[in-house]
N, C-alpha and C. Protein backbone atom coordinates (compact mmCIF):
# COMPACT_ATOMS: atom_id res chain seq x y z
N MET A 1 0.85 -1.17 0.00
CA MET A 1 0.00 0.00 0.00
C MET A 1 0.90 1.24 0.00
N GLU A 2 0.55 2.21 -0.81
CA GLU A 2 1.36 3.41 -0.93
C GLU A 2 1.22 4.30 0.30
N LYS A 3 2.27 5.07 0.53
CA LYS A 3 2.31 5.96 1.69
C LYS A 3 1.14 6.95 1.66
N LYS A 4 0.82 7.45 0.46
CA LYS A 4 -0.29 8.40 0.32
C LYS A 4 -1.61 7.76 0.72
N GLN A 5 -1.81 6.51 0.31
CA GLN A 5 -3.02 5.79 0.67
C GLN A 5 -3.13 5.62 2.18
N VAL A 6 -2.03 5.28 2.81
CA VAL A 6 -2.03 5.09 4.26
C VAL A 6 -2.36 6.40 4.96
N GLN A 7 -1.81 7.51 4.46
CA GLN A 7 -2.11 8.81 5.06
C GLN A 7 -3.59 9.15 4.92
N GLU A 8 -4.17 8.85 3.77
CA GLU A 8 -5.60 9.11 3.57
C GLU A 8 -6.44 8.25 4.50
N ILE A 9 -6.06 7.00 4.64
CA ILE A 9 -6.76 6.11 5.57
C ILE A 9 -6.65 6.66 6.99
N ARG A 10 -5.45 7.09 7.36
CA ARG A 10 -5.21 7.63 8.70
C ARG A 10 -6.12 8.84 8.96
N GLU A 11 -6.21 9.74 8.01
CA GLU A 11 -7.03 10.94 8.17
C GLU A 11 -8.51 10.59 8.28
N LEU A 12 -8.97 9.69 7.42
CA LEU A 12 -10.38 9.29 7.46
C LEU A 12 -10.72 8.56 8.75
N CYS A 13 -9.84 7.69 9.19
CA CYS A 13 -10.08 6.97 10.45
C CYS A 13 -10.14 7.94 11.63
N ARG A 14 -9.24 8.90 11.66
CA ARG A 14 -9.23 9.87 12.75
C ARG A 14 -10.53 10.69 12.76
N GLN A 15 -10.96 11.12 11.58
CA GLN A 15 -12.22 11.87 11.50
C GLN A 15 -13.38 11.02 12.00
N HIS A 16 -13.38 9.76 11.62
CA HIS A 16 -14.46 8.87 12.04
C HIS A 16 -14.44 8.68 13.56
N VAL A 17 -13.27 8.43 14.10
CA VAL A 17 -13.14 8.23 15.55
C VAL A 17 -13.61 9.47 16.30
N GLU A 18 -13.15 10.64 15.88
CA GLU A 18 -13.55 11.89 16.54
C GLU A 18 -15.06 12.10 16.47
N SER A 19 -15.63 11.83 15.31
CA SER A 19 -17.08 11.98 15.13
C SER A 19 -17.86 11.03 16.05
N GLN A 20 -17.41 9.78 16.09
CA GLN A 20 -18.10 8.80 16.92
C GLN A 20 -17.96 9.10 18.41
N LEU A 21 -16.81 9.60 18.82
CA LEU A 21 -16.63 9.97 20.23
C LEU A 21 -17.48 11.18 20.60
N ASP A 22 -17.63 12.12 19.69
CA ASP A 22 -18.54 13.24 19.94
C ASP A 22 -19.96 12.74 20.15
N LEU A 23 -20.39 11.83 19.28
CA LEU A 23 -21.73 11.25 19.44
C LEU A 23 -21.86 10.50 20.76
N HIS A 24 -20.81 9.79 21.13
CA HIS A 24 -20.79 9.04 22.39
C HIS A 24 -21.04 9.97 23.58
N PHE A 25 -20.30 11.08 23.63
CA PHE A 25 -20.45 11.99 24.76
C PHE A 25 -21.77 12.75 24.73
N CYS A 26 -22.28 13.04 23.54
CA CYS A 26 -23.60 13.66 23.43
C CYS A 26 -24.67 12.72 23.97
N SER A 27 -24.54 11.45 23.63
CA SER A 27 -25.49 10.45 24.10
C SER A 27 -25.44 10.30 25.61
N ILE A 28 -24.24 10.26 26.15
CA ILE A 28 -24.09 10.17 27.61
C ILE A 28 -24.71 11.39 28.29
N ALA A 29 -24.42 12.57 27.75
CA ALA A 29 -24.97 13.80 28.33
C ALA A 29 -26.50 13.77 28.32
N GLU A 30 -27.05 13.28 27.23
CA GLU A 30 -28.51 13.19 27.13
C GLU A 30 -29.08 12.16 28.10
N ASP A 31 -28.46 10.98 28.15
CA ASP A 31 -28.96 9.92 29.04
C ASP A 31 -28.90 10.30 30.51
N PHE A 32 -27.88 11.05 30.89
CA PHE A 32 -27.70 11.41 32.29
C PHE A 32 -28.11 12.85 32.58
N ASP A 33 -28.74 13.50 31.60
CA ASP A 33 -29.23 14.87 31.75
C ASP A 33 -28.13 15.79 32.30
N VAL A 34 -26.96 15.70 31.67
CA VAL A 34 -25.80 16.51 32.07
C VAL A 34 -26.02 17.93 31.56
N GLU A 35 -25.80 18.90 32.43
CA GLU A 35 -26.05 20.30 32.08
C GLU A 35 -24.95 20.88 31.20
N SER A 36 -23.72 20.45 31.40
CA SER A 36 -22.60 21.03 30.68
C SER A 36 -21.81 19.93 29.99
N GLY A 37 -21.25 20.26 28.82
CA GLY A 37 -20.45 19.30 28.09
C GLY A 37 -18.96 19.53 28.27
N ASP A 38 -18.61 20.35 29.27
CA ASP A 38 -17.21 20.69 29.48
C ASP A 38 -16.43 19.51 30.06
N ILE A 39 -15.16 19.43 29.63
CA ILE A 39 -14.25 18.46 30.22
C ILE A 39 -13.03 19.21 30.73
N THR A 40 -12.36 18.62 31.69
CA THR A 40 -11.17 19.25 32.26
C THR A 40 -10.00 19.12 31.29
N PRO A 41 -8.96 19.93 31.48
CA PRO A 41 -7.78 19.78 30.64
C PRO A 41 -7.17 18.38 30.73
N GLU A 42 -7.20 17.78 31.90
CA GLU A 42 -6.68 16.42 32.06
C GLU A 42 -7.51 15.42 31.28
N GLN A 43 -8.83 15.60 31.31
CA GLN A 43 -9.70 14.71 30.55
C GLN A 43 -9.49 14.91 29.05
N ALA A 44 -9.24 16.14 28.63
CA ALA A 44 -8.98 16.42 27.22
C ALA A 44 -7.71 15.71 26.76
N LEU A 45 -6.68 15.71 27.60
CA LEU A 45 -5.44 15.00 27.27
C LEU A 45 -5.68 13.50 27.15
N ARG A 46 -6.44 12.96 28.09
CA ARG A 46 -6.74 11.52 28.05
C ARG A 46 -7.55 11.18 26.80
N LEU A 47 -8.51 12.05 26.47
CA LEU A 47 -9.33 11.82 25.29
C LEU A 47 -8.48 11.89 24.02
N ASP A 48 -7.53 12.81 23.97
CA ASP A 48 -6.62 12.89 22.82
C ASP A 48 -5.82 11.60 22.67
N GLU A 49 -5.36 11.06 23.80
CA GLU A 49 -4.62 9.80 23.76
C GLU A 49 -5.50 8.66 23.25
N ILE A 50 -6.74 8.65 23.70
CA ILE A 50 -7.68 7.61 23.27
C ILE A 50 -7.96 7.74 21.77
N VAL A 51 -8.15 8.97 21.31
CA VAL A 51 -8.37 9.19 19.87
C VAL A 51 -7.18 8.69 19.08
N ASP A 52 -5.98 9.01 19.54
CA ASP A 52 -4.77 8.56 18.85
C ASP A 52 -4.71 7.03 18.79
N LEU A 53 -4.94 6.38 19.92
CA LEU A 53 -4.86 4.92 19.99
C LEU A 53 -5.94 4.26 19.13
N LEU A 54 -7.16 4.75 19.25
CA LEU A 54 -8.26 4.15 18.50
C LEU A 54 -8.13 4.42 17.00
N SER A 55 -7.61 5.59 16.66
CA SER A 55 -7.38 5.90 15.24
C SER A 55 -6.33 4.97 14.66
N GLU A 56 -5.24 4.78 15.37
CA GLU A 56 -4.17 3.91 14.87
C GLU A 56 -4.65 2.46 14.79
N LEU A 57 -5.42 2.01 15.76
CA LEU A 57 -5.99 0.67 15.70
C LEU A 57 -6.90 0.53 14.49
N SER A 58 -7.68 1.56 14.21
CA SER A 58 -8.57 1.54 13.05
C SER A 58 -7.78 1.46 11.75
N VAL A 59 -6.70 2.21 11.66
CA VAL A 59 -5.85 2.17 10.47
C VAL A 59 -5.28 0.76 10.29
N GLU A 60 -4.78 0.18 11.36
CA GLU A 60 -4.25 -1.17 11.28
C GLU A 60 -5.32 -2.16 10.81
N PHE A 61 -6.52 -2.00 11.33
CA PHE A 61 -7.64 -2.86 10.95
C PHE A 61 -7.93 -2.73 9.45
N VAL A 62 -8.00 -1.50 8.95
CA VAL A 62 -8.30 -1.28 7.54
C VAL A 62 -7.21 -1.87 6.66
N ILE A 63 -5.96 -1.59 7.00
CA ILE A 63 -4.85 -2.09 6.18
C ILE A 63 -4.80 -3.61 6.18
N GLN A 64 -4.95 -4.21 7.33
CA GLN A 64 -4.88 -5.67 7.45
C GLN A 64 -6.01 -6.34 6.67
N ASN A 65 -7.16 -5.68 6.56
CA ASN A 65 -8.30 -6.31 5.91
C ASN A 65 -8.57 -5.79 4.51
N THR A 66 -7.66 -5.02 3.96
CA THR A 66 -7.78 -4.52 2.60
C THR A 66 -7.03 -5.45 1.67
N LYS A 67 -7.68 -5.85 0.63
CA LYS A 67 -7.03 -6.76 -0.32
C LYS A 67 -6.45 -6.01 -1.48
């Protein structure tokens, strides 16, 4: 697989992960009737790490299963 293709996959996977995590937190806020959607700086750092890890896992999944 070409480097350009991998970069495109990486970008699309990251966008997808970020979008799904936004939906996740919106759903939690709705289910628990949370008044504010704010997170602490520490939580933001942890979330960034999770996005990075889940994005990279997604890229690996796509590459491994692409013929």
